[in-house]
Amino acid sequence: MLFFSLAMNMLPESLIPTNDAGRVRSLHHYQILNTTPEPIFDEYVALAAQMFNLPISLISLVDEHEVFFKANEGLPGLEPVPRPDSLCSAAILQSKVLTFTDLNTEACSLVNPYVAQSAGLRFYAGAALHMPDGSNIGSLCVIGREPRPIEPQEEEMLSMLAELVSLTIELRYAYLSRDRAYEWQAAQRELEEILHDHTALARYLTTRAITPAATARDLNTVARRLAELREIITGHLAELAETPAQ
């Protein structure tokens, strides 16, 4: 059976956007590129993979020439890849979720199609990590080895998770730039515990469902909890905003 995206992708003609120099500066500003794994980001990809009932989820950071993976669920040992070889490079080029329901029939014209095909990847959905200055510095994506459709509620969920990842990157920088690493570790443990509980809930919901992924009702249940998580993160950011960075 062939699947088609519910909405057309609106990609430009070039993989390199006109604002790329500023976008890369924004990425480097957050001082997260080429850093070691951190549990909070691992929890985000674990939750995303569980919600979509897919084997792979990644948090990517798109640098000038390479794509670095901050968190990785399902592709152990994944190293940075050239920018033209990664679908995440294309995901940062539009504001809505970039979706390919079957990469064998809908290959992205902006990236090397043989990389995904050689790895046996068929489904891809990626939401850009959108920062306060308007830059898309990377993406949160979910990937499958079989073609599948994607529902509007699923795209909304992925966008919500990507927003939370973006806020967490902002929070990480806010703590570390103020030499408050200990407090960042404490905040990370708090958020990690909440996300771990959400992943357990998602596992229960997807396990009991007869559909390939969570139902709309189940997605709404998790979305309400994620909205509460967003309030916690923005609350921490508001408190930190009262303390000037170093």
C-alpha atoms as a PDB file:
ATOM      1  CA  MET A   1       0.000   0.000   0.000  1.00  0.00           C
ATOM      2  CA  LEU A   2       1.262   3.487  -0.866  1.00  0.00           C
ATOM      3  CA  PHE A   3       0.957   6.336   1.606  1.00  0.00           C
ATOM      4  CA  PHE A   4       1.012  10.030   0.834  1.00  0.00           C
ATOM      5  CA  SER A   5       1.571  12.994   3.138  1.00  0.00           C
ATOM      6  CA  LEU A   6      -1.611  14.769   4.191  1.00  0.00           C
ATOM      7  CA  ALA A   7       0.026  18.121   3.456  1.00  0.00           C
ATOM      8  CA  MET A   8       2.607  19.001   0.828  1.00  0.00           C
ATOM      9  CA  ASN A   9       6.138  19.800   1.983  1.00  0.00           C
ATOM     10  CA  MET A  10       7.080  23.375   1.084  1.00  0.00           C
ATOM     11  CA  LEU A  11      10.827  23.128   0.554  1.00  0.00           C
ATOM     12  CA  PRO A  12      12.944  25.761  -1.209  1.00  0.00           C
ATOM     13  CA  GLU A  13      15.188  25.002  -4.161  1.00  0.00           C
ATOM     14  CA  SER A  14      18.413  25.058  -2.143  1.00  0.00           C
ATOM     15  CA  LEU A  15      19.506  23.103   0.918  1.00  0.00           C
ATOM     16  CA  ILE A  16      21.351  26.200   2.184  1.00  0.00           C
ATOM     17  CA  PRO A  17      18.929  28.968   3.245  1.00  0.00           C
ATOM     18  CA  THR A  18      19.784  32.602   2.623  1.00  0.00           C
ATOM     19  CA  ASN A  19      20.031  33.233   6.364  1.00  0.00           C
ATOM     20  CA  ASP A  20      22.371  30.295   6.970  1.00  0.00           C
ATOM     21  CA  ALA A  21      25.298  32.322   8.341  1.00  0.00           C
ATOM     22  CA  GLY A  22      23.082  33.812  11.045  1.00  0.00           C
ATOM     23  CA  ARG A  23      21.451  30.450  11.680  1.00  0.00           C
ATOM     24  CA  VAL A  24      24.837  28.800  12.247  1.00  0.00           C
ATOM     25  CA  ARG A  25      25.868  31.644  14.587  1.00  0.00           C
ATOM     26  CA  SER A  26      22.702  30.999  16.575  1.00  0.00           C
ATOM     27  CA  LEU A  27      23.520  27.284  16.814  1.00  0.00           C
ATOM     28  CA  HIS A  28      27.040  28.044  18.074  1.00  0.00           C
ATOM     29  CA  HIS A  29      25.644  30.586  20.546  1.00  0.00           C
ATOM     30  CA  TYR A  30      23.958  27.805  22.525  1.00  0.00           C
ATOM     31  CA  GLN A  31      27.272  25.941  22.965  1.00  0.00           C
ATOM     32  CA  ILE A  32      25.647  22.539  22.552  1.00  0.00           C
ATOM     33  CA  LEU A  33      27.285  21.389  19.326  1.00  0.00           C
ATOM     34  CA  ASN A  34      29.597  18.352  19.707  1.00  0.00           C
ATOM     35  CA  THR A  35      28.768  17.968  23.384  1.00  0.00           C
ATOM     36  CA  THR A  36      28.361  14.639  25.136  1.00  0.00           C
ATOM     37  CA  PRO A  37      24.936  13.015  25.575  1.00  0.00           C
ATOM     38  CA  GLU A  38      22.700  14.371  28.325  1.00  0.00           C
ATOM     39  CA  PRO A  39      19.872  12.336  29.875  1.00  0.00           C
ATOM     40  CA  ILE A  40      17.156  14.942  29.338  1.00  0.00           C
ATOM     41  CA  PHE A  41      17.597  14.887  25.564  1.00  0.00           C
ATOM     42  CA  ASP A  42      17.739  11.087  25.577  1.00  0.00           C
ATOM     43  CA  GLU A  43      14.336  11.131  27.299  1.00  0.00           C
ATOM     44  CA  TYR A  44      12.878  13.306  24.550  1.00  0.00           C
ATOM     45  CA  VAL A  45      13.829  10.879  21.773  1.00  0.00           C
ATOM     46  CA  ALA A  46      12.673   7.908  23.838  1.00  0.00           C
ATOM     47  CA  LEU A  47       9.268   9.555  24.265  1.00  0.00           C
ATOM     48  CA  ALA A  48       9.013  10.509  20.589  1.00  0.00           C
ATOM     49  CA  ALA A  49       9.829   6.991  19.419  1.00  0.00           C
ATOM     50  CA  GLN A  50       7.296   5.538  21.841  1.00  0.00           C
ATOM     51  CA  MET A  51       4.521   7.955  20.901  1.00  0.00           C
ATOM     52  CA  PHE A  52       4.915   7.166  17.217  1.00  0.00           C
ATOM     53  CA  ASN A  53       5.611   3.479  17.839  1.00  0.00           C
ATOM     54  CA  LEU A  54       8.711   3.795  15.653  1.00  0.00           C
ATOM     55  CA  PRO A  55      12.202   2.366  16.192  1.00  0.00           C
ATOM     56  CA  ILE A  56      14.211   5.560  15.644  1.00  0.00           C
ATOM     57  CA  SER A  57      14.148   9.110  16.936  1.00  0.00           C
ATOM     58  CA  LEU A  58      16.928  11.711  16.753  1.00  0.00           C
ATOM     59  CA  ILE A  59      17.694  15.221  17.919  1.00  0.00           C
ATOM     60  CA  SER A  60      19.875  16.750  15.232  1.00  0.00           C
ATOM     61  CA  LEU A  61      21.905  19.956  15.172  1.00  0.00           C
ATOM     62  CA  VAL A  62      22.663  21.234  11.667  1.00  0.00           C
ATOM     63  CA  ASP A  63      26.054  22.941  11.451  1.00  0.00           C
ATOM     64  CA  GLU A  64      27.567  24.580   8.386  1.00  0.00           C
ATOM     65  CA  HIS A  65      28.840  21.355   6.831  1.00  0.00           C
ATOM     66  CA  GLU A  66      27.718  18.500   9.089  1.00  0.00           C
ATOM     67  CA  VAL A  67      24.744  17.267  11.062  1.00  0.00           C
ATOM     68  CA  PHE A  68      25.503  16.339  14.681  1.00  0.00           C
ATOM     69  CA  PHE A  69      23.143  14.143  16.705  1.00  0.00           C
ATOM     70  CA  LYS A  70      22.654  15.269  20.286  1.00  0.00           C
ATOM     71  CA  ALA A  71      20.334  12.364  21.149  1.00  0.00           C
ATOM     72  CA  ASN A  72      19.796   9.055  19.414  1.00  0.00           C
ATOM     73  CA  GLU A  73      17.181   6.364  19.924  1.00  0.00           C
ATOM     74  CA  GLY A  74      17.507   3.328  17.679  1.00  0.00           C
ATOM     75  CA  LEU A  75      20.694   4.018  15.689  1.00  0.00           C
ATOM     76  CA  PRO A  76      23.571   3.197  18.067  1.00  0.00           C
ATOM     77  CA  GLY A  77      26.979   4.447  17.013  1.00  0.00           C
ATOM     78  CA  LEU A  78      25.590   7.071  14.645  1.00  0.00           C
ATOM     79  CA  GLU A  79      28.302   9.609  13.791  1.00  0.00           C
ATOM     80  CA  PRO A  80      27.917  13.129  12.359  1.00  0.00           C
ATOM     81  CA  VAL A  81      26.990  13.033   8.677  1.00  0.00           C
ATOM     82  CA  PRO A  82      27.565  15.481   5.835  1.00  0.00           C
ATOM     83  CA  ARG A  83      24.763  18.011   5.592  1.00  0.00           C
ATOM     84  CA  PRO A  84      23.707  16.944   2.061  1.00  0.00           C
ATOM     85  CA  ASP A  85      23.205  13.364   3.305  1.00  0.00           C
ATOM     86  CA  SER A  86      20.706  14.112   6.092  1.00  0.00           C
ATOM     87  CA  LEU A  87      16.971  14.675   5.866  1.00  0.00           C
ATOM     88  CA  CYS A  88      17.318  16.757   9.031  1.00  0.00           C
ATOM     89  CA  SER A  89      19.097  19.354   6.869  1.00  0.00           C
ATOM     90  CA  ALA A  90      15.861  19.710   4.936  1.00  0.00           C
ATOM     91  CA  ALA A  91      13.638  19.687   8.038  1.00  0.00           C
ATOM     92  CA  ILE A  92      15.077  23.049   9.153  1.00  0.00           C
ATOM     93  CA  LEU A  93      13.955  24.702   5.901  1.00  0.00           C
ATOM     94  CA  GLN A  94      10.249  24.940   6.711  1.00  0.00           C
ATOM     95  CA  SER A  95       8.205  25.871   9.753  1.00  0.00           C
ATOM     96  CA  LYS A  96       5.880  22.878   9.639  1.00  0.00           C
ATOM     97  CA  VAL A  97       6.749  19.207  10.034  1.00  0.00           C
ATOM     98  CA  LEU A  98       8.677  17.723   7.103  1.00  0.00           C
ATOM     99  CA  THR A  99       7.121  14.353   6.298  1.00  0.00           C
ATOM    100  CA  PHE A 100       7.936  11.558   3.876  1.00  0.00           C
ATOM    101  CA  THR A 101       5.538   8.673   4.316  1.00  0.00           C
ATOM    102  CA  ASP A 102       7.516   6.412   1.952  1.00  0.00           C
ATOM    103  CA  LEU A 103      11.034   7.444   1.010  1.00  0.00           C
ATOM    104  CA  ASN A 104      11.101   4.870  -1.785  1.00  0.00           C
ATOM    105  CA  THR A 105       8.475   6.877  -3.663  1.00  0.00           C
ATOM    106  CA  GLU A 106       8.879  10.392  -2.174  1.00  0.00           C
ATOM    107  CA  ALA A 107      12.634  10.887  -1.977  1.00  0.00           C
ATOM    108  CA  CYS A 108      13.694  14.396  -0.963  1.00  0.00           C
ATOM    109  CA  SER A 109      15.287  16.157  -3.941  1.00  0.00           C
ATOM    110  CA  LEU A 110      17.557  18.269  -1.701  1.00  0.00           C
ATOM    111  CA  VAL A 111      19.494  15.452  -0.041  1.00  0.00           C
ATOM    112  CA  ASN A 112      21.276  12.316  -1.191  1.00  0.00           C
ATOM    113  CA  PRO A 113      18.473   9.706  -1.498  1.00  0.00           C
ATOM    114  CA  TYR A 114      20.792   6.724  -1.325  1.00  0.00           C
ATOM    115  CA  VAL A 115      21.803   7.290   2.308  1.00  0.00           C
ATOM    116  CA  ALA A 116      18.315   6.675   3.690  1.00  0.00           C
ATOM    117  CA  GLN A 117      17.624   3.907   1.195  1.00  0.00           C
ATOM    118  CA  SER A 118      20.857   2.071   1.976  1.00  0.00           C
ATOM    119  CA  ALA A 119      19.947   2.160   5.679  1.00  0.00           C
ATOM    120  CA  GLY A 120      16.501   0.730   4.922  1.00  0.00           C
ATOM    121  CA  LEU A 121      14.647   3.846   6.086  1.00  0.00           C
ATOM    122  CA  ARG A 122      11.174   4.384   4.643  1.00  0.00           C
ATOM    123  CA  PHE A 123       9.320   6.881   6.880  1.00  0.00           C
ATOM    124  CA  TYR A 124      10.596  10.250   8.109  1.00  0.00           C
ATOM    125  CA  ALA A 125       8.970  13.099  10.008  1.00  0.00           C
ATOM    126  CA  GLY A 126      11.025  15.975  11.389  1.00  0.00           C
ATOM    127  CA  ALA A 127      10.089  19.183  13.219  1.00  0.00           C
ATOM    128  CA  ALA A 128      12.549  22.068  13.328  1.00  0.00           C
ATOM    129  CA  LEU A 129      14.103  23.288  16.573  1.00  0.00           C
ATOM    130  CA  HIS A 130      13.023  26.925  16.410  1.00  0.00           C
ATOM    131  CA  MET A 131      14.892  29.342  18.665  1.00  0.00           C
ATOM    132  CA  PRO A 132      13.790  32.782  19.964  1.00  0.00           C
ATOM    133  CA  ASP A 133      15.828  34.671  17.330  1.00  0.00           C
ATOM    134  CA  GLY A 134      13.891  32.875  14.573  1.00  0.00           C
ATOM    135  CA  SER A 135      16.663  30.423  13.663  1.00  0.00           C
ATOM    136  CA  ASN A 136      16.052  26.723  13.046  1.00  0.00           C
ATOM    137  CA  ILE A 137      19.174  25.099  14.476  1.00  0.00           C
ATOM    138  CA  GLY A 138      18.218  21.452  14.105  1.00  0.00           C
ATOM    139  CA  SER A 139      15.307  19.049  14.325  1.00  0.00           C
ATOM    140  CA  LEU A 140      13.529  16.388  16.323  1.00  0.00           C
ATOM    141  CA  CYS A 141      12.658  13.524  14.007  1.00  0.00           C
ATOM    142  CA  VAL A 142      11.076  10.084  14.085  1.00  0.00           C
ATOM    143  CA  ILE A 143      12.022   7.441  11.531  1.00  0.00           C
ATOM    144  CA  GLY A 144      10.643   4.065  10.501  1.00  0.00           C
ATOM    145  CA  ARG A 145      11.714   1.154   8.331  1.00  0.00           C
ATOM    146  CA  GLU A 146       8.232   0.699   6.902  1.00  0.00           C
ATOM    147  CA  PRO A 147       6.017   3.234   5.098  1.00  0.00           C
ATOM    148  CA  ARG A 148       3.181   4.651   7.196  1.00  0.00           C
ATOM    149  CA  PRO A 149       0.742   7.557   7.109  1.00  0.00           C
ATOM    150  CA  ILE A 150       0.887  10.452   9.538  1.00  0.00           C
ATOM    151  CA  GLU A 151      -2.125  12.116  11.101  1.00  0.00           C
ATOM    152  CA  PRO A 152      -2.472  15.865  11.806  1.00  0.00           C
ATOM    153  CA  GLN A 153      -2.520  15.153  15.559  1.00  0.00           C
ATOM    154  CA  GLU A 154       0.794  13.314  15.224  1.00  0.00           C
ATOM    155  CA  GLU A 155       2.374  16.262  13.433  1.00  0.00           C
ATOM    156  CA  GLU A 156       1.109  18.535  16.209  1.00  0.00           C
ATOM    157  CA  MET A 157       2.625  16.209  18.805  1.00  0.00           C
ATOM    158  CA  LEU A 158       5.994  16.198  17.049  1.00  0.00           C
ATOM    159  CA  SER A 159       5.932  19.998  16.822  1.00  0.00           C
ATOM    160  CA  MET A 160       5.115  20.222  20.526  1.00  0.00           C
ATOM    161  CA  LEU A 161       7.995  17.927  21.414  1.00  0.00           C
ATOM    162  CA  ALA A 162      10.366  19.914  19.187  1.00  0.00           C
ATOM    163  CA  GLU A 163       9.313  23.118  20.951  1.00  0.00           C
ATOM    164  CA  LEU A 164      10.085  21.505  24.313  1.00  0.00           C
ATOM    165  CA  VAL A 165      13.517  20.420  23.052  1.00  0.00           C
ATOM    166  CA  SER A 166      14.175  23.985  21.861  1.00  0.00           C
ATOM    167  CA  LEU A 167      13.130  25.415  25.227  1.00  0.00           C
ATOM    168  CA  THR A 168      15.345  22.883  27.006  1.00  0.00           C
ATOM    169  CA  ILE A 169      18.344  23.896  24.888  1.00  0.00           C
ATOM    170  CA  GLU A 170      17.600  27.500  25.808  1.00  0.00           C
ATOM    171  CA  LEU A 171      17.302  26.558  29.489  1.00  0.00           C
ATOM    172  CA  ARG A 172      20.569  24.617  29.373  1.00  0.00           C
ATOM    173  CA  TYR A 173      22.398  27.631  27.992  1.00  0.00           C
ATOM    174  CA  ALA A 174      20.744  29.989  30.478  1.00  0.00           C
ATOM    175  CA  TYR A 175      22.073  27.945  33.394  1.00  0.00           C
ATOM    176  CA  LEU A 176      25.536  27.195  32.015  1.00  0.00           C
ATOM    177  CA  SER A 177      26.205  30.746  30.801  1.00  0.00           C
ATOM    178  CA  ARG A 178      25.587  31.896  34.369  1.00  0.00           C
ATOM    179  CA  ASP A 179      28.026  29.337  35.805  1.00  0.00           C
ATOM    180  CA  ARG A 180      25.146  27.472  37.425  1.00  0.00           C
ATOM    181  CA  ALA A 181      25.980  23.974  36.213  1.00  0.00           C
ATOM    182  CA  TYR A 182      24.845  22.371  39.463  1.00  0.00           C
ATOM    183  CA  GLU A 183      21.401  23.943  39.114  1.00  0.00           C
ATOM    184  CA  TRP A 184      21.209  22.798  35.492  1.00  0.00           C
ATOM    185  CA  GLN A 185      21.879  19.248  36.641  1.00  0.00           C
ATOM    186  CA  ALA A 186      19.110  19.548  39.227  1.00  0.00           C
ATOM    187  CA  ALA A 187      16.674  20.982  36.681  1.00  0.00           C
ATOM    188  CA  GLN A 188      17.651  18.275  34.210  1.00  0.00           C
ATOM    189  CA  ARG A 189      16.886  15.553  36.770  1.00  0.00           C
ATOM    190  CA  GLU A 190      13.494  17.146  37.468  1.00  0.00           C
ATOM    191  CA  LEU A 191      12.568  17.294  33.784  1.00  0.00           C
ATOM    192  CA  GLU A 192      14.034  13.860  33.097  1.00  0.00           C
ATOM    193  CA  GLU A 193      11.839  12.282  35.751  1.00  0.00           C
ATOM    194  CA  ILE A 194       8.725  13.929  34.314  1.00  0.00           C
ATOM    195  CA  LEU A 195       9.580  12.831  30.771  1.00  0.00           C
ATOM    196  CA  HIS A 196      10.352   9.304  31.945  1.00  0.00           C
ATOM    197  CA  ASP A 197       6.846   9.101  33.427  1.00  0.00           C
ATOM    198  CA  HIS A 198       5.382  10.403  30.172  1.00  0.00           C
ATOM    199  CA  THR A 199       7.269   7.738  28.213  1.00  0.00           C
ATOM    200  CA  ALA A 200       5.888   5.037  30.514  1.00  0.00           C
ATOM    201  CA  LEU A 201       2.399   6.400  29.876  1.00  0.00           C
ATOM    202  CA  ALA A 202       3.016   6.480  26.123  1.00  0.00           C
ATOM    203  CA  ARG A 203       4.265   2.892  26.241  1.00  0.00           C
ATOM    204  CA  TYR A 204       1.065   1.808  27.969  1.00  0.00           C
ATOM    205  CA  LEU A 205      -1.133   3.708  25.519  1.00  0.00           C
ATOM    206  CA  THR A 206       0.591   2.420  22.377  1.00  0.00           C
ATOM    207  CA  THR A 207       0.794  -1.137  23.715  1.00  0.00           C
ATOM    208  CA  ARG A 208      -2.916  -1.368  24.372  1.00  0.00           C
ATOM    209  CA  ALA A 209      -3.886   0.323  21.083  1.00  0.00           C
ATOM    210  CA  ILE A 210      -4.697  -1.744  18.016  1.00  0.00           C
ATOM    211  CA  THR A 211      -3.503   1.042  15.694  1.00  0.00           C
ATOM    212  CA  PRO A 212       0.166   1.436  14.613  1.00  0.00           C
ATOM    213  CA  ALA A 213       0.596   4.467  16.906  1.00  0.00           C
ATOM    214  CA  ALA A 214      -1.241   6.269  19.666  1.00  0.00           C
ATOM    215  CA  THR A 215      -4.840   7.275  18.980  1.00  0.00           C
ATOM    216  CA  ALA A 216      -5.967  10.899  18.845  1.00  0.00           C
ATOM    217  CA  ARG A 217      -7.399  10.555  22.344  1.00  0.00           C
ATOM    218  CA  ASP A 218      -4.130   9.142  23.633  1.00  0.00           C
ATOM    219  CA  LEU A 219      -2.166  11.918  21.931  1.00  0.00           C
ATOM    220  CA  ASN A 220      -4.382  14.496  23.622  1.00  0.00           C
ATOM    221  CA  THR A 221      -3.716  12.859  26.987  1.00  0.00           C
ATOM    222  CA  VAL A 222       0.051  13.138  26.526  1.00  0.00           C
ATOM    223  CA  ALA A 223      -0.251  16.646  25.029  1.00  0.00           C
ATOM    224  CA  ARG A 224      -1.941  17.918  28.189  1.00  0.00           C
ATOM    225  CA  ARG A 225       0.930  16.590  30.264  1.00  0.00           C
ATOM    226  CA  LEU A 226       3.494  18.094  27.914  1.00  0.00           C
ATOM    227  CA  ALA A 227       1.782  21.471  28.261  1.00  0.00           C
ATOM    228  CA  GLU A 228       2.402  21.225  32.006  1.00  0.00           C
ATOM    229  CA  LEU A 229       6.059  20.410  31.311  1.00  0.00           C
ATOM    230  CA  ARG A 230       6.292  23.496  29.107  1.00  0.00           C
ATOM    231  CA  GLU A 231       5.044  25.629  31.993  1.00  0.00           C
ATOM    232  CA  ILE A 232       7.783  24.240  34.238  1.00  0.00           C
ATOM    233  CA  ILE A 233      10.521  24.991  31.695  1.00  0.00           C
ATOM    234  CA  THR A 234       9.272  28.499  30.947  1.00  0.00           C
ATOM    235  CA  GLY A 235       9.007  29.105  34.672  1.00  0.00           C
ATOM    236  CA  HIS A 236      12.685  28.264  35.107  1.00  0.00           C
ATOM    237  CA  LEU A 237      13.561  30.521  32.160  1.00  0.00           C
ATOM    238  CA  ALA A 238      11.582  33.401  33.649  1.00  0.00           C
ATOM    239  CA  GLU A 239      13.450  33.059  36.945  1.00  0.00           C
ATOM    240  CA  LEU A 240      16.802  33.002  35.170  1.00  0.00           C
ATOM    241  CA  ALA A 241      15.904  36.030  33.081  1.00  0.00           C
ATOM    242  CA  GLU A 242      16.102  38.079  36.263  1.00  0.00           C
ATOM    243  CA  THR A 243      19.800  37.139  36.615  1.00  0.00           C
ATOM    244  CA  PRO A 244      22.139  38.611  33.938  1.00  0.00           C
ATOM    245  CA  ALA A 245      24.331  36.134  32.097  1.00  0.00           C
ATOM    246  CA  GLN A 246      28.082  36.271  32.623  1.00  0.00           C
END
